[in-house]
Amino acid sequence: MRYRLLSTDLDGTLVTEDKRVTERTKQAVKALIRCGGTVVLSSGRPSYGVWHVAKELGLPELGGYILAYNGGELLDCKSGRVEFSVRILPEKIPQIVRLAREHQTAVLTYEGEYVISENGDDIYVRGEAGNTRMKVKEVPDLAAYVDFPVVKFMMVGTEEQILRMEPVVRKALGPEFAVFRSEAYHLEILPAGIDKGSGLLKTLEHLGISREEAISCGDYDNDIPMNRAAGFGVAMENGCPEIKAEADYITCSNEEDGVAAVIEKFMLGEERP
């Protein structure tokens, strides 16, 4: 098998617009694993928010990984062990929360099965909870509430809000943080140097797999570093222009089993790109 590992984004890539994993995709993923391949679910979501997809694909039984928080944490689905994880320094958290308050933008983080925010009724906070199948917990003071390790914060709002906030937050937080959009209405805040590309490279090193043996599939800006890190970077037909412009291959859309088609063609079928 030339390509031994598949790293795939979820939203807009592996799952359909109504967040389903199709039967063709399930069968392709399971066939790949049974042939000795490795599957990594790479998402901006927390590990908890990816777990239901991992279960649908049989990863707790067959084996596989969740690369959560846009590359900030790797979870072994079979053992339940966290292989690596990053943390935001506790003393930096009040500044992040204060920025969101000053600019009237909702900010959230995660704790177990909960999305935590001061803005529990915000439509975008609720939307994130729905996407991840998590519950919302509203707290009066997010900075005071967080007394546990946090991998990332995320500001959420309209596309206009997030476009406006991106340079503001990046300048205010400085070089110690990675600040980037993962969706039109999501602004990720992680420790510097963390993205899906760095996470994939660390995963490959941990598993002893070369980048030349990895395929990556994605649809949005935050998937570009992952595609660059892999030996073969695939963009979805429904992907943004930036990721499609530099992809090694463009597959069908997420509504047309684009990831399954890549597995069948380049991993199970062994067709050379």
Protein backbone atom coordinates (compact mmCIF):
# COMPACT_ATOMS: atom_id res chain seq x y z
CA MET A 1 0.00 0.00 0.00
CA ARG A 2 1.66 3.20 -1.19
CA TYR A 3 -0.49 5.48 0.95
CA ARG A 4 -0.79 4.12 4.49
CA LEU A 5 -2.59 6.99 6.23
CA LEU A 6 -5.63 9.13 5.47
CA SER A 7 -6.09 12.37 7.37
CA THR A 8 -9.51 13.86 6.71
CA ASP A 9 -11.40 16.92 7.81
CA LEU A 10 -15.03 16.39 8.89
CA ASP A 11 -17.35 19.32 8.13
CA GLY A 12 -17.60 19.95 4.41
CA THR A 13 -15.37 16.93 3.75
CA LEU A 14 -16.08 13.55 5.36
CA VAL A 15 -19.65 14.30 6.46
CA THR A 16 -22.55 15.63 4.40
CA GLU A 17 -24.15 19.02 4.92
CA ASP A 18 -26.62 17.47 7.36
CA LYS A 19 -23.66 15.94 9.28
CA ARG A 20 -24.17 12.34 8.13
CA VAL A 21 -21.54 9.74 7.32
CA THR A 22 -22.77 7.90 4.24
CA GLU A 23 -22.74 4.11 3.96
CA ARG A 24 -20.23 4.24 1.10
CA THR A 25 -17.85 6.30 3.25
CA LYS A 26 -18.22 3.95 6.21
CA GLN A 27 -17.42 0.92 4.05
CA ALA A 28 -14.44 2.59 2.38
CA VAL A 29 -12.92 3.63 5.72
CA LYS A 30 -13.42 0.18 7.23
CA ALA A 31 -11.92 -1.50 4.16
CA LEU A 32 -8.88 0.77 4.36
CA ILE A 33 -8.26 -0.09 8.01
CA ARG A 34 -8.70 -3.80 7.38
CA CYS A 35 -6.07 -3.55 4.65
CA GLY A 36 -3.60 -2.09 7.13
CA GLY A 37 -4.27 1.61 6.62
CA THR A 38 -4.64 4.25 9.33
CA VAL A 39 -7.43 6.82 9.52
CA VAL A 40 -7.09 10.15 11.31
CA LEU A 41 -10.17 12.35 11.81
CA SER A 42 -8.71 15.87 11.74
CA SER A 43 -11.06 18.54 13.02
CA GLY A 44 -11.30 21.88 14.74
CA ARG A 45 -13.81 20.25 17.08
CA PRO A 46 -12.83 18.94 20.52
CA SER A 47 -12.25 15.19 20.76
CA TYR A 48 -15.65 14.72 22.41
CA GLY A 49 -17.32 16.39 19.43
CA VAL A 50 -15.68 13.96 16.99
CA TRP A 51 -16.29 10.80 18.99
CA HIS A 52 -19.72 10.04 17.54
CA VAL A 53 -18.23 10.08 14.02
CA ALA A 54 -15.39 7.81 15.15
CA LYS A 55 -17.96 5.37 16.54
CA GLU A 56 -19.96 5.37 13.29
CA LEU A 57 -16.77 4.43 11.45
CA GLY A 58 -15.90 1.68 13.93
CA LEU A 59 -12.62 3.30 15.02
CA PRO A 60 -12.91 2.32 18.72
CA GLU A 61 -12.92 -1.33 17.61
CA LEU A 62 -10.86 -1.24 14.41
CA GLY A 63 -8.38 1.42 15.50
CA GLY A 64 -7.84 4.99 14.36
CA TYR A 65 -7.17 8.47 15.68
CA ILE A 66 -8.81 11.81 16.33
CA LEU A 67 -6.63 14.88 15.69
CA ALA A 68 -8.77 17.44 17.48
CA TYR A 69 -8.64 21.20 18.11
CA ASN A 70 -7.10 21.90 14.68
CA GLY A 71 -4.02 19.83 15.45
CA GLY A 72 -3.78 20.56 19.18
CA GLU A 73 -4.56 17.07 20.52
CA LEU A 74 -4.24 13.47 19.30
CA LEU A 75 -6.49 10.75 20.73
CA ASP A 76 -6.08 7.02 20.13
CA CYS A 77 -9.66 5.81 19.56
CA LYS A 78 -8.96 2.20 20.55
CA SER A 79 -7.18 2.82 23.85
CA GLY A 80 -8.78 6.18 24.68
CA ARG A 81 -5.29 7.52 25.40
CA VAL A 82 -4.32 11.12 24.60
CA GLU A 83 -1.03 10.80 22.72
CA PHE A 84 -0.20 14.51 22.75
CA SER A 85 -1.91 17.76 23.65
CA VAL A 86 -1.10 21.47 23.87
CA ARG A 87 -2.36 24.00 26.43
CA ILE A 88 -3.04 27.73 26.51
CA LEU A 89 -1.21 29.36 29.42
CA PRO A 90 -3.74 30.15 32.19
CA GLU A 91 -2.46 33.71 32.59
CA LYS A 92 -3.39 34.46 28.94
CA ILE A 93 -7.03 33.44 29.27
CA PRO A 94 -8.38 36.72 30.80
CA GLN A 95 -6.96 38.68 27.85
CA ILE A 96 -8.80 36.48 25.34
CA VAL A 97 -12.10 36.81 27.20
CA ARG A 98 -11.64 40.56 27.61
CA LEU A 99 -11.03 41.00 23.87
CA ALA A 100 -14.28 39.23 23.05
CA ARG A 101 -16.23 41.35 25.53
CA GLU A 102 -14.72 44.62 24.24
CA HIS A 103 -15.71 43.79 20.67
CA GLN A 104 -19.06 42.19 21.59
CA THR A 105 -18.12 38.87 20.03
CA ALA A 106 -19.08 35.58 21.67
CA VAL A 107 -16.19 33.36 22.75
CA LEU A 108 -16.30 29.74 23.84
CA THR A 109 -14.20 26.80 24.94
CA TYR A 110 -14.91 23.18 25.88
CA GLU A 111 -15.15 21.07 29.02
CA GLY A 112 -16.06 17.40 28.71
CA GLU A 113 -19.46 17.22 27.01
CA TYR A 114 -20.05 20.98 27.29
CA VAL A 115 -19.46 24.07 25.18
CA ILE A 116 -18.69 26.78 27.76
CA SER A 117 -19.53 30.43 27.08
CA GLU A 118 -20.80 33.62 28.68
CA ASN A 119 -23.23 33.84 25.74
CA GLY A 120 -25.25 30.65 26.06
CA ASP A 121 -28.11 31.89 23.88
CA ASP A 122 -25.88 33.14 21.06
CA ILE A 123 -26.94 31.54 17.76
CA TYR A 124 -23.34 30.70 16.83
CA VAL A 125 -22.54 29.22 20.24
CA ARG A 126 -25.67 27.08 19.88
CA GLY A 127 -24.60 26.18 16.35
CA GLU A 128 -21.23 24.92 17.55
CA ALA A 129 -22.93 22.83 20.22
CA GLY A 130 -25.23 21.36 17.58
CA ASN A 131 -22.36 20.53 15.20
CA THR A 132 -20.41 18.77 17.94
CA ARG A 133 -23.46 17.19 19.64
CA MET A 134 -22.48 18.84 22.89
CA LYS A 135 -24.46 20.76 25.51
CA VAL A 136 -24.15 24.47 26.24
CA LYS A 137 -23.15 25.64 29.69
CA GLU A 138 -23.48 29.38 30.27
CA VAL A 139 -21.18 30.87 32.91
CA PRO A 140 -21.10 34.46 34.19
CA ASP A 141 -17.31 34.87 33.93
CA LEU A 142 -15.51 32.56 31.51
CA ALA A 143 -12.01 33.54 32.64
CA ALA A 144 -12.86 32.90 36.29
CA TYR A 145 -14.62 29.63 35.48
CA VAL A 146 -11.77 28.04 33.54
CA ASP A 147 -9.57 26.29 36.10
CA PHE A 148 -8.77 23.31 33.85
CA PRO A 149 -6.36 22.86 30.90
CA VAL A 150 -7.67 24.47 27.70
CA VAL A 151 -6.40 23.64 24.22
CA LYS A 152 -8.24 26.40 22.36
CA PHE A 153 -10.76 29.20 22.51
CA MET A 154 -12.99 30.13 19.60
CA MET A 155 -14.70 33.42 18.82
CA VAL A 156 -17.93 33.01 16.86
CA GLY A 157 -20.15 35.42 14.97
CA THR A 158 -21.24 36.59 11.56
CA GLU A 159 -18.81 36.38 8.67
CA GLU A 160 -18.36 40.16 8.86
CA GLN A 161 -17.62 40.03 12.60
CA ILE A 162 -15.05 37.29 12.23
CA LEU A 163 -13.30 38.98 9.30
CA ARG A 164 -13.10 42.16 11.36
CA MET A 165 -11.90 40.37 14.49
CA GLU A 166 -9.18 38.25 12.89
CA PRO A 167 -6.53 41.01 12.51
CA VAL A 168 -7.59 42.63 15.79
CA VAL A 169 -7.15 39.43 17.79
CA ARG A 170 -3.94 38.45 16.00
CA LYS A 171 -2.36 41.84 16.77
CA ALA A 172 -3.58 41.92 20.38
CA LEU A 173 -2.41 38.41 21.27
CA GLY A 174 0.88 38.58 19.40
CA PRO A 175 3.28 35.84 18.31
CA GLU A 176 2.47 33.49 21.20
CA PHE A 177 -0.82 32.54 19.51
CA ALA A 178 -2.08 31.05 16.26
CA VAL A 179 -5.23 32.93 15.18
CA PHE A 180 -7.11 31.80 12.07
CA ARG A 181 -10.58 31.14 10.61
CA SER A 182 -11.73 27.53 10.43
CA GLU A 183 -15.16 28.48 9.03
CA ALA A 184 -16.59 31.79 7.90
CA TYR A 185 -18.04 32.29 11.40
CA HIS A 186 -15.31 30.62 13.53
CA LEU A 187 -12.07 32.31 14.71
CA GLU A 188 -9.71 29.79 16.32
CA ILE A 189 -7.24 30.79 19.05
CA LEU A 190 -4.50 28.27 19.85
CA PRO A 191 -0.87 28.33 21.02
CA ALA A 192 1.57 29.48 18.32
CA GLY A 193 2.68 26.88 15.81
CA ILE A 194 -0.46 24.78 16.14
CA ASP A 195 -2.52 23.98 13.06
CA LYS A 196 -3.64 20.85 11.25
CA GLY A 197 -0.34 20.70 9.37
CA SER A 198 1.86 20.68 12.46
CA GLY A 199 -0.56 18.25 14.10
CA LEU A 200 -0.41 15.87 11.15
CA LEU A 201 3.40 15.96 11.05
CA LYS A 202 3.54 15.19 14.77
CA THR A 203 1.03 12.37 14.27
CA LEU A 204 3.08 10.87 11.43
CA GLU A 205 6.23 11.03 13.56
CA HIS A 206 4.39 9.38 16.46
CA LEU A 207 3.14 6.56 14.20
CA GLY A 208 6.37 6.11 12.27
CA ILE A 209 4.76 6.92 8.92
CA SER A 210 6.42 9.17 6.34
CA ARG A 211 4.59 12.17 4.89
CA GLU A 212 4.96 10.59 1.44
CA GLU A 213 2.69 7.79 2.67
CA ALA A 214 -0.09 10.18 3.78
CA ILE A 215 -3.14 11.55 1.97
CA SER A 216 -5.01 14.56 3.32
CA CYS A 217 -8.55 15.67 2.42
CA GLY A 218 -10.05 19.06 3.27
CA ASP A 219 -12.29 21.88 2.12
CA TYR A 220 -11.34 25.10 3.93
CA ASP A 221 -8.46 27.47 4.72
CA ASN A 222 -7.51 25.67 7.94
CA ASP A 223 -7.06 22.42 5.97
CA ILE A 224 -4.37 23.91 3.70
CA PRO A 225 -1.49 23.31 6.18
CA MET A 226 -2.64 19.69 6.51
CA ASN A 227 -2.67 19.23 2.73
CA ARG A 228 0.81 20.74 2.53
CA ALA A 229 2.06 18.40 5.27
CA ALA A 230 0.74 15.27 3.52
CA GLY A 231 2.42 13.68 0.54
CA PHE A 232 -0.80 14.01 -1.46
CA GLY A 233 -3.19 16.87 -0.71
CA VAL A 234 -6.82 16.57 -1.83
CA ALA A 235 -9.41 19.36 -1.99
CA MET A 236 -13.15 18.78 -2.12
CA GLU A 237 -15.12 20.03 -5.12
CA ASN A 238 -17.10 22.16 -2.64
CA GLY A 239 -13.87 23.53 -1.14
CA CYS A 240 -12.81 27.16 -0.98
CA PRO A 241 -10.83 28.56 -3.95
CA GLU A 242 -7.58 28.77 -1.95
CA ILE A 243 -7.41 25.07 -1.08
CA LYS A 244 -8.48 24.00 -4.57
CA ALA A 245 -5.83 26.21 -6.19
CA GLU A 246 -2.93 24.29 -4.67
CA ALA A 247 -4.39 20.79 -4.27
CA ASP A 248 -2.72 17.80 -5.89
CA TYR A 249 -6.17 16.48 -6.73
CA ILE A 250 -9.79 17.67 -6.53
CA THR A 251 -12.30 15.00 -5.60
CA CYS A 252 -16.10 15.01 -5.63
CA SER A 253 -18.02 17.10 -3.10
CA ASN A 254 -18.88 15.96 0.42
CA GLU A 255 -22.41 15.30 -0.84
CA GLU A 256 -21.02 12.90 -3.46
CA ASP A 257 -18.76 10.73 -1.24
CA GLY A 258 -15.58 12.57 -2.21
CA VAL A 259 -13.47 11.05 0.57
CA ALA A 260 -14.70 7.53 -0.18
CA ALA A 261 -13.75 8.10 -3.84
CA VAL A 262 -10.19 9.03 -2.82
CA ILE A 263 -9.85 5.92 -0.64
CA GLU A 264 -11.16 3.67 -3.39
CA LYS A 265 -9.05 5.22 -6.13
CA PHE A 266 -5.70 5.94 -4.52
CA MET A 267 -5.53 3.69 -1.45
CA LEU A 268 -7.53 0.55 -2.18
CA GLY A 269 -7.27 0.71 -5.96
CA GLU A 270 -3.61 1.77 -5.86
CA GLU A 271 -4.02 4.15 -8.79
CA ARG A 272 -1.01 6.42 -9.14
CA PRO A 273 -1.74 10.18 -9.07
